[in-house]
Amino acid sequence: MLFQSSSMQSHAVEYSVTNNAGDAPGGMHFTEEIGIPHSQQMLTMSTDFIWKIFQQNDPADRKDVARVSLFIDNMEGVAYTSNDEIHVSTMYLGGLSGDVKGEFTGVLYHEMTHVWQWNGAGQGPGWLIEGIADFVRLRSGYVPGHWVQPGQGDRWDQGYDVTARFLDYCNDLRNGFVAELNKKMRTGYSDKYFVDLLGNTVDQLWSQYKATYAS
């Protein structure tokens, strides 16, 4: 049974990576095409990137996280984050082809956003929390080909890539919108935050967004 683990520290945050997959196909895929050093590098780089996106130059503006642990596990699904632990599926990695390292890196940017974003003190809706995570992934450049294009989607609260594209539009209307929205979500959540920041309801903004790309 192959077991690998390593940790490093950057900006007072410790990052550890553990490959629990052993010699399972996905585990070997991780070892051969991604590796622990690349994973640790991406954890630190994504943290710096997220702090920049959220305009959190002052440590007092950030969540107090001392350690982030990444586990490569034999499980179904793609990945999930629980508190300060990220779990990535070897079954998912084993099924990838093409730019495996790029797709893995994109997943990390999404999951690391969950580590650092504010969730409205537990009141933040899932569609927005996932949408912000995919917005960060969108801005990182690690965008998978299956994502919707700008203007596509049925509702602003579809989450993930649909909401990410919508948030990108909102951020173009007011540079730093997502950072300000995340800051407001430190203590709670209300759809009125969109009105506070952009002067329109989220429904009005969605209609404008759809109209912008209709032509």
N, C-alpha and C. Protein backbone atom coordinates (compact mmCIF):
# COMPACT_ATOMS: atom_id res chain seq x y z
N MET A 1 0.85 -1.20 0.00
CA MET A 1 0.00 0.00 0.00
C MET A 1 0.88 1.23 0.00
N LEU A 2 0.69 2.07 -1.01
CA LEU A 2 1.47 3.30 -1.14
C LEU A 2 0.78 4.41 -0.36
N PHE A 3 1.49 5.06 0.54
CA PHE A 3 0.93 6.16 1.33
C PHE A 3 1.93 7.30 1.31
N GLN A 4 1.47 8.49 0.94
CA GLN A 4 2.36 9.65 0.85
C GLN A 4 1.74 10.82 1.59
N SER A 5 2.58 11.53 2.33
CA SER A 5 2.10 12.71 3.04
C SER A 5 3.23 13.71 3.18
N SER A 6 2.88 15.00 3.09
CA SER A 6 3.88 16.05 3.22
C SER A 6 3.19 17.33 3.67
N SER A 7 3.95 18.20 4.34
CA SER A 7 3.38 19.48 4.76
C SER A 7 4.40 20.59 4.56
N MET A 8 3.90 21.83 4.40
CA MET A 8 4.77 22.99 4.26
C MET A 8 4.01 24.19 4.83
N GLN A 9 4.73 25.28 5.08
CA GLN A 9 4.11 26.46 5.67
C GLN A 9 4.37 27.68 4.81
N SER A 10 3.34 28.55 4.68
CA SER A 10 3.46 29.79 3.93
C SER A 10 2.50 30.81 4.51
N HIS A 11 2.96 32.04 4.75
CA HIS A 11 2.11 33.10 5.31
C HIS A 11 1.39 32.64 6.57
N ALA A 12 2.09 31.94 7.44
CA ALA A 12 1.55 31.48 8.73
C ALA A 12 0.45 30.43 8.57
N VAL A 13 0.29 29.90 7.37
CA VAL A 13 -0.65 28.81 7.14
C VAL A 13 0.13 27.56 6.77
N GLU A 14 -0.20 26.46 7.42
CA GLU A 14 0.45 25.19 7.11
C GLU A 14 -0.43 24.42 6.12
N TYR A 15 0.21 23.87 5.10
CA TYR A 15 -0.52 23.10 4.09
C TYR A 15 0.01 21.67 4.08
N SER A 16 -0.89 20.72 4.23
CA SER A 16 -0.48 19.32 4.18
C SER A 16 -1.23 18.60 3.07
N VAL A 17 -0.56 17.66 2.43
CA VAL A 17 -1.16 16.86 1.36
C VAL A 17 -0.93 15.39 1.69
N THR A 18 -1.99 14.62 1.69
CA THR A 18 -1.91 13.19 1.99
C THR A 18 -2.60 12.41 0.89
N ASN A 19 -1.87 11.46 0.30
CA ASN A 19 -2.43 10.59 -0.73
C ASN A 19 -2.83 9.28 -0.07
N ASN A 20 -4.14 9.15 0.19
CA ASN A 20 -4.66 7.94 0.82
C ASN A 20 -5.04 6.86 -0.18
N ALA A 21 -4.84 7.15 -1.46
CA ALA A 21 -5.36 6.26 -2.50
C ALA A 21 -4.48 5.05 -2.76
N GLY A 22 -3.25 5.11 -2.26
CA GLY A 22 -2.36 3.98 -2.47
C GLY A 22 -2.11 3.72 -3.94
N ASP A 23 -2.13 2.43 -4.31
CA ASP A 23 -1.84 2.06 -5.70
C ASP A 23 -3.11 1.87 -6.51
N ALA A 24 -4.24 2.41 -6.04
CA ALA A 24 -5.46 2.42 -6.85
C ALA A 24 -5.21 3.26 -8.10
N PRO A 25 -5.93 2.99 -9.20
CA PRO A 25 -5.67 3.71 -10.46
C PRO A 25 -5.66 5.23 -10.30
N GLY A 26 -6.64 5.76 -9.57
CA GLY A 26 -6.67 7.21 -9.38
C GLY A 26 -5.50 7.71 -8.57
N GLY A 27 -5.06 6.91 -7.60
CA GLY A 27 -3.91 7.28 -6.79
C GLY A 27 -2.63 7.33 -7.60
N MET A 28 -2.47 6.36 -8.50
CA MET A 28 -1.31 6.35 -9.38
C MET A 28 -1.38 7.53 -10.35
N HIS A 29 -2.60 7.83 -10.82
CA HIS A 29 -2.82 8.97 -11.71
C HIS A 29 -2.35 10.25 -11.01
N PHE A 30 -2.70 10.39 -9.73
CA PHE A 30 -2.29 11.55 -8.95
C PHE A 30 -0.77 11.60 -8.83
N THR A 31 -0.16 10.47 -8.47
CA THR A 31 1.29 10.41 -8.26
C THR A 31 2.05 10.74 -9.53
N GLU A 32 1.60 10.19 -10.65
CA GLU A 32 2.36 10.31 -11.90
C GLU A 32 2.11 11.64 -12.63
N GLU A 33 0.89 12.19 -12.53
CA GLU A 33 0.57 13.35 -13.35
C GLU A 33 0.39 14.65 -12.56
N ILE A 34 0.23 14.53 -11.24
CA ILE A 34 0.01 15.74 -10.43
C ILE A 34 1.09 15.86 -9.36
N GLY A 35 1.05 14.98 -8.38
CA GLY A 35 2.09 14.93 -7.36
C GLY A 35 1.85 15.86 -6.18
N ILE A 36 2.49 15.52 -5.07
CA ILE A 36 2.35 16.31 -3.85
C ILE A 36 3.00 17.69 -3.96
N PRO A 37 4.22 17.82 -4.54
CA PRO A 37 4.82 19.16 -4.63
C PRO A 37 3.94 20.15 -5.41
N HIS A 38 3.37 19.72 -6.54
CA HIS A 38 2.49 20.60 -7.31
C HIS A 38 1.26 20.95 -6.49
N SER A 39 0.72 19.99 -5.78
CA SER A 39 -0.47 20.22 -4.97
C SER A 39 -0.20 21.28 -3.91
N GLN A 40 0.92 21.15 -3.22
CA GLN A 40 1.26 22.13 -2.18
C GLN A 40 1.47 23.52 -2.79
N GLN A 41 2.12 23.56 -3.93
CA GLN A 41 2.34 24.84 -4.60
C GLN A 41 1.01 25.50 -4.96
N MET A 42 0.06 24.69 -5.47
CA MET A 42 -1.24 25.23 -5.86
C MET A 42 -2.07 25.65 -4.65
N LEU A 43 -1.92 24.96 -3.53
CA LEU A 43 -2.62 25.36 -2.32
C LEU A 43 -2.17 26.75 -1.87
N THR A 44 -0.88 26.98 -1.88
CA THR A 44 -0.36 28.30 -1.47
C THR A 44 -0.70 29.37 -2.49
N MET A 45 -0.55 29.04 -3.78
CA MET A 45 -0.84 30.03 -4.83
C MET A 45 -2.32 30.39 -4.86
N SER A 46 -3.19 29.39 -4.68
CA SER A 46 -4.63 29.67 -4.71
C SER A 46 -5.03 30.51 -3.50
N THR A 47 -4.41 30.26 -2.35
CA THR A 47 -4.69 31.09 -1.17
C THR A 47 -4.35 32.55 -1.43
N ASP A 48 -3.16 32.80 -1.97
CA ASP A 48 -2.76 34.18 -2.29
C ASP A 48 -3.72 34.80 -3.30
N PHE A 49 -4.13 34.00 -4.28
CA PHE A 49 -5.03 34.49 -5.33
C PHE A 49 -6.39 34.84 -4.74
N ILE A 50 -6.91 33.99 -3.87
CA ILE A 50 -8.22 34.21 -3.25
C ILE A 50 -8.19 35.46 -2.36
N TRP A 51 -7.14 35.61 -1.57
CA TRP A 51 -7.01 36.81 -0.74
C TRP A 51 -7.02 38.06 -1.61
N LYS A 52 -6.39 37.98 -2.77
CA LYS A 52 -6.35 39.12 -3.69
C LYS A 52 -7.73 39.39 -4.28
N ILE A 53 -8.42 38.33 -4.72
CA ILE A 53 -9.77 38.47 -5.27
C ILE A 53 -10.70 39.09 -4.24
N PHE A 54 -10.58 38.63 -2.98
CA PHE A 54 -11.44 39.12 -1.90
C PHE A 54 -10.94 40.43 -1.30
N GLN A 55 -9.82 40.94 -1.82
CA GLN A 55 -9.21 42.20 -1.36
C GLN A 55 -8.95 42.16 0.15
N GLN A 56 -8.40 41.04 0.58
CA GLN A 56 -8.12 40.85 2.01
C GLN A 56 -6.61 41.00 2.26
N ASN A 57 -6.14 42.23 2.14
CA ASN A 57 -4.73 42.51 2.35
C ASN A 57 -4.36 42.45 3.83
N ASP A 58 -5.33 42.74 4.67
CA ASP A 58 -5.12 42.74 6.12
C ASP A 58 -5.55 41.38 6.68
N PRO A 59 -4.67 40.69 7.42
CA PRO A 59 -5.05 39.40 8.01
C PRO A 59 -6.33 39.45 8.84
N ALA A 60 -6.66 40.62 9.40
CA ALA A 60 -7.88 40.75 10.20
C ALA A 60 -9.14 40.57 9.36
N ASP A 61 -9.02 40.76 8.03
CA ASP A 61 -10.17 40.62 7.14
C ASP A 61 -10.41 39.16 6.74
N ARG A 62 -9.44 38.30 7.04
CA ARG A 62 -9.52 36.90 6.58
C ARG A 62 -10.04 35.98 7.67
N LYS A 63 -10.48 34.80 7.25
CA LYS A 63 -10.80 33.77 8.22
C LYS A 63 -9.51 33.32 8.91
N ASP A 64 -9.63 32.96 10.16
CA ASP A 64 -8.47 32.53 10.94
C ASP A 64 -8.25 31.04 10.73
N VAL A 65 -7.43 30.72 9.75
CA VAL A 65 -7.15 29.32 9.41
C VAL A 65 -5.65 29.09 9.55
N ALA A 66 -5.27 28.17 10.41
CA ALA A 66 -3.85 27.91 10.65
C ALA A 66 -3.32 26.77 9.78
N ARG A 67 -4.22 25.87 9.36
CA ARG A 67 -3.77 24.69 8.62
C ARG A 67 -4.84 24.27 7.62
N VAL A 68 -4.42 23.98 6.41
CA VAL A 68 -5.31 23.43 5.39
C VAL A 68 -4.77 22.07 4.99
N SER A 69 -5.64 21.06 5.04
CA SER A 69 -5.22 19.69 4.74
C SER A 69 -5.94 19.20 3.49
N LEU A 70 -5.16 18.70 2.54
CA LEU A 70 -5.71 18.12 1.31
C LEU A 70 -5.52 16.60 1.36
N PHE A 71 -6.61 15.89 1.12
CA PHE A 71 -6.58 14.43 1.10
C PHE A 71 -7.02 13.91 -0.27
N ILE A 72 -6.24 13.01 -0.82
CA ILE A 72 -6.62 12.30 -2.05
C ILE A 72 -7.21 10.97 -1.59
N ASP A 73 -8.52 10.81 -1.75
CA ASP A 73 -9.23 9.69 -1.14
C ASP A 73 -9.93 8.82 -2.18
N ASN A 74 -10.07 7.55 -1.84
CA ASN A 74 -10.89 6.63 -2.63
C ASN A 74 -12.35 6.88 -2.28
N MET A 75 -13.03 7.68 -3.10
CA MET A 75 -14.43 8.02 -2.84
C MET A 75 -15.09 8.40 -4.15
N GLU A 76 -16.41 8.47 -4.14
CA GLU A 76 -17.15 8.88 -5.32
C GLU A 76 -17.23 10.40 -5.37
N GLY A 77 -17.83 10.93 -6.45
CA GLY A 77 -17.94 12.37 -6.60
C GLY A 77 -16.66 12.99 -7.16
N VAL A 78 -16.54 14.30 -6.98
CA VAL A 78 -15.36 15.03 -7.46
C VAL A 78 -14.51 15.47 -6.28
N ALA A 79 -15.07 16.32 -5.42
CA ALA A 79 -14.33 16.84 -4.27
C ALA A 79 -15.31 17.51 -3.33
N TYR A 80 -14.90 17.67 -2.09
CA TYR A 80 -15.70 18.44 -1.14
C TYR A 80 -14.77 19.04 -0.09
N THR A 81 -15.25 20.10 0.55
CA THR A 81 -14.49 20.77 1.60
C THR A 81 -15.30 20.76 2.88
N SER A 82 -14.67 20.36 3.96
CA SER A 82 -15.29 20.38 5.27
C SER A 82 -14.36 21.14 6.21
N ASN A 83 -14.82 22.32 6.66
CA ASN A 83 -13.97 23.21 7.47
C ASN A 83 -12.67 23.50 6.74
N ASP A 84 -11.56 23.02 7.24
CA ASP A 84 -10.26 23.32 6.62
C ASP A 84 -9.65 22.09 5.96
N GLU A 85 -10.49 21.12 5.62
CA GLU A 85 -10.03 19.90 4.95
C GLU A 85 -10.66 19.79 3.57
N ILE A 86 -9.82 19.52 2.58
CA ILE A 86 -10.28 19.32 1.21
C ILE A 86 -10.06 17.85 0.84
N HIS A 87 -11.09 17.23 0.31
CA HIS A 87 -11.01 15.83 -0.12
C HIS A 87 -11.28 15.75 -1.61
N VAL A 88 -10.36 15.14 -2.36
CA VAL A 88 -10.50 14.99 -3.80
C VAL A 88 -10.60 13.50 -4.13
N SER A 89 -11.52 13.17 -5.02
CA SER A 89 -11.81 11.78 -5.37
C SER A 89 -10.81 11.20 -6.36
N THR A 90 -10.25 10.04 -6.00
CA THR A 90 -9.36 9.35 -6.94
C THR A 90 -10.15 8.75 -8.09
N MET A 91 -11.41 8.41 -7.84
CA MET A 91 -12.25 7.88 -8.93
C MET A 91 -12.43 8.95 -10.00
N TYR A 92 -12.57 10.20 -9.56
CA TYR A 92 -12.68 11.31 -10.50
C TYR A 92 -11.36 11.51 -11.24
N LEU A 93 -10.27 11.54 -10.49
CA LEU A 93 -8.96 11.75 -11.12
C LEU A 93 -8.64 10.63 -12.10
N GLY A 94 -9.01 9.41 -11.72
CA GLY A 94 -8.71 8.25 -12.57
C GLY A 94 -9.46 8.29 -13.88
N GLY A 95 -10.60 9.02 -13.92
CA GLY A 95 -11.38 9.09 -15.15
C GLY A 95 -11.03 10.25 -16.04
N LEU A 96 -10.07 11.08 -15.62
CA LEU A 96 -9.71 12.26 -16.41
C LEU A 96 -8.76 11.90 -17.54
N SER A 97 -8.86 12.66 -18.61
CA SER A 97 -7.88 12.57 -19.69
C SER A 97 -7.56 14.00 -20.11
N GLY A 98 -6.57 14.16 -20.95
CA GLY A 98 -6.19 15.51 -21.37
C GLY A 98 -5.37 16.21 -20.30
N ASP A 99 -5.71 17.46 -20.01
CA ASP A 99 -4.94 18.28 -19.06
C ASP A 99 -5.38 17.93 -17.63
N VAL A 100 -4.89 16.80 -17.13
CA VAL A 100 -5.26 16.34 -15.80
C VAL A 100 -4.81 17.33 -14.73
N LYS A 101 -3.59 17.82 -14.86
CA LYS A 101 -3.06 18.74 -13.85
C LYS A 101 -3.85 20.05 -13.83
N GLY A 102 -4.25 20.54 -15.00
CA GLY A 102 -5.02 21.78 -15.06
C GLY A 102 -6.40 21.63 -14.45
N GLU A 103 -7.07 20.50 -14.72
CA GLU A 103 -8.39 20.26 -14.15
C GLU A 103 -8.29 20.12 -12.64
N PHE A 104 -7.30 19.39 -12.16
CA PHE A 104 -7.08 19.22 -10.72
C PHE A 104 -6.84 20.58 -10.07
N THR A 105 -6.04 21.43 -10.71
CA THR A 105 -5.74 22.75 -10.18
C THR A 105 -7.01 23.60 -10.09
N GLY A 106 -7.86 23.52 -11.12
CA GLY A 106 -9.12 24.26 -11.10
C GLY A 106 -10.01 23.82 -9.95
N VAL A 107 -10.06 22.53 -9.71
CA VAL A 107 -10.84 22.00 -8.58
C VAL A 107 -10.29 22.56 -7.26
N LEU A 108 -8.96 22.62 -7.15
CA LEU A 108 -8.36 23.15 -5.92
C LEU A 108 -8.72 24.62 -5.70
N TYR A 109 -8.70 25.42 -6.76
CA TYR A 109 -9.07 26.83 -6.62
C TYR A 109 -10.50 26.96 -6.10
N HIS A 110 -11.40 26.11 -6.62
CA HIS A 110 -12.80 26.11 -6.17
C HIS A 110 -12.88 25.71 -4.69
N GLU A 111 -12.25 24.61 -4.34
CA GLU A 111 -12.36 24.09 -2.97
C GLU A 111 -11.65 25.00 -1.97
N MET A 112 -10.52 25.59 -2.36
CA MET A 112 -9.82 26.50 -1.45
C MET A 112 -10.65 27.76 -1.18
N THR A 113 -11.48 28.15 -2.16
CA THR A 113 -12.37 29.28 -1.93
C THR A 113 -13.33 28.97 -0.78
N HIS A 114 -13.80 27.73 -0.71
CA HIS A 114 -14.68 27.34 0.40
C HIS A 114 -13.97 27.46 1.75
N VAL A 115 -12.67 27.22 1.75
CA VAL A 115 -11.91 27.36 3.00
C VAL A 115 -11.92 28.82 3.46
N TRP A 116 -11.75 29.75 2.50
CA TRP A 116 -11.51 31.15 2.85
C TRP A 116 -12.72 32.06 2.78
N GLN A 117 -13.77 31.69 2.05
CA GLN A 117 -14.89 32.62 1.89
C GLN A 117 -15.75 32.68 3.15
N TRP A 118 -16.47 33.79 3.31
CA TRP A 118 -17.46 33.90 4.37
C TRP A 118 -18.76 33.29 3.87
N ASN A 119 -19.48 32.63 4.76
CA ASN A 119 -20.70 31.92 4.34
C ASN A 119 -21.97 32.55 4.91
N GLY A 120 -21.90 33.84 5.24
CA GLY A 120 -23.09 34.50 5.77
C GLY A 120 -23.45 34.03 7.16
N ALA A 121 -22.42 33.64 7.93
CA ALA A 121 -22.65 33.11 9.28
C ALA A 121 -23.65 31.95 9.25
N GLY A 122 -23.50 31.13 8.20
CA GLY A 122 -24.37 29.96 8.05
C GLY A 122 -25.66 30.24 7.31
N GLN A 123 -25.91 31.52 6.97
CA GLN A 123 -27.14 31.90 6.28
C GLN A 123 -26.96 32.01 4.76
N GLY A 124 -25.72 31.96 4.30
CA GLY A 124 -25.47 32.13 2.87
C GLY A 124 -26.06 30.99 2.07
N PRO A 125 -26.80 31.30 0.99
CA PRO A 125 -27.40 30.24 0.17
C PRO A 125 -26.36 29.45 -0.60
N GLY A 126 -26.63 28.17 -0.77
CA GLY A 126 -25.68 27.30 -1.45
C GLY A 126 -25.34 27.74 -2.86
N TRP A 127 -26.36 28.26 -3.58
CA TRP A 127 -26.11 28.68 -4.96
C TRP A 127 -25.05 29.77 -5.03
N LEU A 128 -25.06 30.69 -4.05
CA LEU A 128 -24.11 31.80 -4.05
C LEU A 128 -22.74 31.35 -3.58
N ILE A 129 -22.70 30.51 -2.56
CA ILE A 129 -21.42 30.01 -2.05
C ILE A 129 -20.68 29.23 -3.15
N GLU A 130 -21.41 28.37 -3.86
CA GLU A 130 -20.80 27.61 -4.96
C GLU A 130 -20.48 28.52 -6.15
N GLY A 131 -21.35 29.51 -6.38
CA GLY A 131 -21.11 30.44 -7.48
C GLY A 131 -19.86 31.27 -7.27
N ILE A 132 -19.65 31.72 -6.04
CA ILE A 132 -18.44 32.50 -5.73
C ILE A 132 -17.19 31.63 -5.90
N ALA A 133 -17.28 30.37 -5.47
CA ALA A 133 -16.14 29.46 -5.62
C ALA A 133 -15.80 29.25 -7.10
N ASP A 134 -16.84 29.11 -7.95
CA ASP A 134 -16.59 28.96 -9.38
C ASP A 134 -16.18 30.29 -10.01
N PHE A 135 -16.61 31.43 -9.44
CA PHE A 135 -16.14 32.73 -9.92
C PHE A 135 -14.63 32.84 -9.73
N VAL A 136 -14.15 32.40 -8.58
CA VAL A 136 -12.70 32.41 -8.33
C VAL A 136 -11.99 31.50 -9.32
N ARG A 137 -12.57 30.33 -9.55
CA ARG A 137 -11.97 29.42 -10.54
C ARG A 137 -11.97 30.05 -11.92
N LEU A 138 -13.07 30.74 -12.27
CA LEU A 138 -13.15 31.44 -13.56
C LEU A 138 -12.05 32.46 -13.69
N ARG A 139 -11.85 33.26 -12.65
CA ARG A 139 -10.82 34.31 -12.68
C ARG A 139 -9.40 33.72 -12.67
N SER A 140 -9.27 32.49 -12.16
CA SER A 140 -7.95 31.85 -12.14
C SER A 140 -7.52 31.39 -13.53
N GLY A 141 -8.50 31.20 -14.41
CA GLY A 141 -8.21 30.75 -15.77
C GLY A 141 -8.32 29.25 -15.97
N TYR A 142 -8.54 28.50 -14.91
CA TYR A 142 -8.64 27.04 -15.02
C TYR A 142 -10.10 26.65 -15.24
N VAL A 143 -10.61 26.98 -16.43
CA VAL A 143 -12.03 26.80 -16.75
C VAL A 143 -12.21 25.56 -17.62
N PRO A 144 -13.03 24.60 -17.18
CA PRO A 144 -13.25 23.40 -17.99
C PRO A 144 -14.14 23.69 -19.19
N GLY A 145 -14.00 22.90 -20.23
CA GLY A 145 -14.73 23.13 -21.47
C GLY A 145 -16.22 22.94 -21.38
N HIS A 146 -16.69 22.22 -20.36
CA HIS A 146 -18.12 21.93 -20.26
C HIS A 146 -18.92 23.04 -19.58
N TRP A 147 -18.24 24.09 -19.11
CA TRP A 147 -18.96 25.19 -18.46
C TRP A 147 -19.86 25.91 -19.45
N VAL A 148 -20.94 26.53 -18.93
CA VAL A 148 -21.80 27.37 -19.77
C VAL A 148 -21.01 28.59 -20.22
N GLN A 149 -21.46 29.16 -21.33
CA GLN A 149 -20.86 30.38 -21.84
C GLN A 149 -21.54 31.59 -21.19
N PRO A 150 -20.91 32.77 -21.25
CA PRO A 150 -21.54 33.97 -20.68
C PRO A 150 -22.94 34.18 -21.26
N GLY A 151 -23.90 34.47 -20.40
CA GLY A 151 -25.27 34.70 -20.83
C GLY A 151 -26.14 33.46 -20.80
N GLN A 152 -25.55 32.30 -20.68
CA GLN A 152 -26.32 31.06 -20.63
C GLN A 152 -26.81 30.79 -19.21
N GLY A 153 -27.80 29.91 -19.10
CA GLY A 153 -28.37 29.58 -17.80
C GLY A 153 -29.80 30.06 -17.68
N ASP A 154 -30.56 29.44 -16.80
CA ASP A 154 -31.98 29.75 -16.65
C ASP A 154 -32.27 30.68 -15.48
N ARG A 155 -31.45 30.60 -14.43
CA ARG A 155 -31.72 31.39 -13.22
C ARG A 155 -30.40 31.83 -12.59
N TRP A 156 -30.43 32.97 -11.91
CA TRP A 156 -29.22 33.44 -11.24
C TRP A 156 -28.82 32.53 -10.08
N ASP A 157 -29.81 31.78 -9.54
CA ASP A 157 -29.49 30.92 -8.39
C ASP A 157 -29.26 29.47 -8.78
N GLN A 158 -28.84 29.23 -10.04
CA GLN A 158 -28.50 27.86 -10.45
C GLN A 158 -27.20 27.39 -9.81
N GLY A 159 -26.38 28.34 -9.40
CA GLY A 159 -25.13 27.98 -8.74
C GLY A 159 -24.02 27.66 -9.72
N TYR A 160 -22.88 27.32 -9.17
CA TYR A 160 -21.71 26.87 -9.92
C TYR A 160 -21.40 27.78 -11.11
N ASP A 161 -21.21 27.20 -12.32
CA ASP A 161 -20.73 27.99 -13.46
C ASP A 161 -21.75 29.04 -13.92
N VAL A 162 -23.06 28.74 -13.83
CA VAL A 162 -24.07 29.72 -14.24
C VAL A 162 -23.99 30.97 -13.36
N THR A 163 -23.97 30.76 -12.05
CA THR A 163 -23.87 31.89 -11.13
C THR A 163 -22.51 32.57 -11.23
N ALA A 164 -21.46 31.80 -11.48
CA ALA A 164 -20.11 32.38 -11.63
C ALA A 164 -20.07 33.36 -12.79
N ARG A 165 -20.67 32.99 -13.92
CA ARG A 165 -20.70 33.88 -15.09
C ARG A 165 -21.50 35.15 -14.76
N PHE A 166 -22.61 34.99 -14.04
CA PHE A 166 -23.43 36.13 -13.63
C PHE A 166 -22.66 37.05 -12.69
N LEU A 167 -21.95 36.46 -11.72
CA LEU A 167 -21.15 37.26 -10.79
C LEU A 167 -20.03 37.99 -11.52
N ASP A 168 -19.49 37.37 -12.56
CA ASP A 168 -18.44 37.99 -13.35
C ASP A 168 -19.00 39.24 -14.03
N TYR A 169 -20.23 39.15 -14.52
CA TYR A 169 -20.91 40.30 -15.12
C TYR A 169 -21.12 41.40 -14.07
N CYS A 170 -21.59 41.02 -12.89
CA CYS A 170 -21.81 41.98 -11.81
C CYS A 170 -20.50 42.64 -11.40
N ASN A 171 -19.42 41.87 -11.39
CA ASN A 171 -18.12 42.40 -10.99
C ASN A 171 -17.60 43.39 -12.04
N ASP A 172 -18.00 43.19 -13.31
CA ASP A 172 -17.64 44.15 -14.36
C ASP A 172 -18.40 45.46 -14.18
N LEU A 173 -19.61 45.38 -13.64
CA LEU A 173 -20.40 46.59 -13.37
C LEU A 173 -19.78 47.41 -12.24
N ARG A 174 -19.24 46.72 -11.27
CA ARG A 174 -18.59 47.38 -10.13
C ARG A 174 -17.36 46.57 -9.77
N ASN A 175 -16.19 47.07 -10.13
CA ASN A 175 -14.96 46.33 -9.87
C ASN A 175 -14.79 46.10 -8.37
N GLY A 176 -14.62 44.84 -7.99
CA GLY A 176 -14.51 44.50 -6.59
C GLY A 176 -15.84 44.10 -5.96
N PHE A 177 -16.88 43.97 -6.79
CA PHE A 177 -18.21 43.61 -6.28
C PHE A 177 -18.18 42.31 -5.48
N VAL A 178 -17.54 41.28 -6.03
CA VAL A 178 -17.52 39.99 -5.34
C VAL A 178 -16.78 40.10 -4.01
N ALA A 179 -15.71 40.88 -3.98
CA ALA A 179 -14.98 41.09 -2.72
C ALA A 179 -15.86 41.78 -1.68
N GLU A 180 -16.62 42.78 -2.12
CA GLU A 180 -17.50 43.50 -1.20
C GLU A 180 -18.67 42.62 -0.75
N LEU A 181 -19.18 41.80 -1.67
CA LEU A 181 -20.25 40.87 -1.33
C LEU A 181 -19.77 39.85 -0.29
N ASN A 182 -18.57 39.33 -0.51
CA ASN A 182 -18.00 38.37 0.45
C ASN A 182 -17.79 39.02 1.81
N LYS A 183 -17.35 40.27 1.81
CA LYS A 183 -17.13 40.98 3.08
C LYS A 183 -18.45 41.13 3.84
N LYS A 184 -19.54 41.46 3.12
CA LYS A 184 -20.85 41.58 3.75
C LYS A 184 -21.30 40.23 4.34
N MET A 185 -20.89 39.15 3.70
CA MET A 185 -21.32 37.82 4.13
C MET A 185 -20.55 37.31 5.35
N ARG A 186 -19.73 38.16 5.91
CA ARG A 186 -19.03 37.77 7.14
C ARG A 186 -20.02 37.62 8.29
N THR A 187 -21.11 38.38 8.27
CA THR A 187 -22.03 38.40 9.41
C THR A 187 -23.44 37.94 9.08
N GLY A 188 -23.77 37.75 7.81
CA GLY A 188 -25.12 37.33 7.45
C GLY A 188 -25.30 37.35 5.96
N TYR A 189 -26.56 37.22 5.52
CA TYR A 189 -26.82 37.29 4.08
C TYR A 189 -28.22 37.81 3.82
N SER A 190 -28.34 38.60 2.74
CA SER A 190 -29.63 39.06 2.23
C SER A 190 -29.47 39.34 0.74
N ASP A 191 -30.51 39.03 -0.05
CA ASP A 191 -30.49 39.37 -1.48
C ASP A 191 -30.35 40.89 -1.67
N LYS A 192 -30.69 41.66 -0.62
CA LYS A 192 -30.60 43.12 -0.71
C LYS A 192 -29.16 43.60 -0.84
N TYR A 193 -28.19 42.72 -0.57
CA TYR A 193 -26.79 43.10 -0.76
C TYR A 193 -26.53 43.52 -2.21
N PHE A 194 -27.25 42.88 -3.15
CA PHE A 194 -27.08 43.24 -4.56
C PHE A 194 -27.57 44.67 -4.79
N VAL A 195 -28.67 45.05 -4.15
CA VAL A 195 -29.19 46.41 -4.26
C VAL A 195 -28.21 47.39 -3.62
N ASP A 196 -27.70 47.03 -2.46
CA ASP A 196 -26.76 47.91 -1.75
C ASP A 196 -25.54 48.22 -2.62
N LEU A 197 -25.05 47.22 -3.32
CA LEU A 197 -23.79 47.36 -4.04
C LEU A 197 -23.96 47.81 -5.49
N LEU A 198 -25.08 47.42 -6.11
CA LEU A 198 -25.24 47.69 -7.54
C LEU A 198 -26.49 48.51 -7.88
N GLY A 199 -27.33 48.79 -6.87
CA GLY A 199 -28.47 49.65 -7.10
C GLY A 199 -29.66 48.98 -7.78
N ASN A 200 -29.57 47.69 -8.03
CA ASN A 200 -30.65 46.94 -8.64
C ASN A 200 -30.86 45.63 -7.90
N THR A 201 -32.08 45.09 -7.98
CA THR A 201 -32.32 43.78 -7.38
C THR A 201 -31.60 42.73 -8.19
N VAL A 202 -31.41 41.57 -7.60
CA VAL A 202 -30.74 40.48 -8.29
C VAL A 202 -31.55 40.04 -9.51
N ASP A 203 -32.89 40.12 -9.43
CA ASP A 203 -33.73 39.80 -10.59
C ASP A 203 -33.51 40.78 -11.73
N GLN A 204 -33.43 42.07 -11.39
CA GLN A 204 -33.17 43.10 -12.41
C GLN A 204 -31.80 42.90 -13.05
N LEU A 205 -30.82 42.60 -12.23
CA LEU A 205 -29.47 42.39 -12.73
C LEU A 205 -29.41 41.18 -13.66
N TRP A 206 -30.13 40.12 -13.28
CA TRP A 206 -30.16 38.91 -14.13
C TRP A 206 -30.81 39.23 -15.48
N SER A 207 -31.89 39.99 -15.48
CA SER A 207 -32.55 40.38 -16.73
C SER A 207 -31.61 41.20 -17.61
N GLN A 208 -30.88 42.12 -16.99
CA GLN A 208 -29.91 42.93 -17.73
C GLN A 208 -28.79 42.05 -18.29
N TYR A 209 -28.35 41.11 -17.49
CA TYR A 209 -27.28 40.18 -17.90
C TYR A 209 -27.73 39.37 -19.11
N LYS A 210 -28.95 38.81 -19.05
CA LYS A 210 -29.45 38.00 -20.16
C LYS A 210 -29.61 38.85 -21.43
N ALA A 211 -30.10 40.09 -21.23
CA ALA A 211 -30.30 40.99 -22.37
C ALA A 211 -28.96 41.37 -23.02
N THR A 212 -27.94 41.53 -22.20
CA THR A 212 -26.62 41.91 -22.70
C THR A 212 -26.09 40.88 -23.69
N TYR A 213 -26.33 39.61 -23.39
CA TYR A 213 -25.79 38.54 -24.23
C TYR A 213 -26.80 37.98 -25.23
N ALA A 214 -28.04 38.50 -25.20
CA ALA A 214 -29.09 37.99 -26.10
C ALA A 214 -28.75 38.25 -27.57
N SER A 215 -28.05 39.35 -27.80
CA SER A 215 -27.73 39.71 -29.19
C SER A 215 -26.45 39.02 -29.67
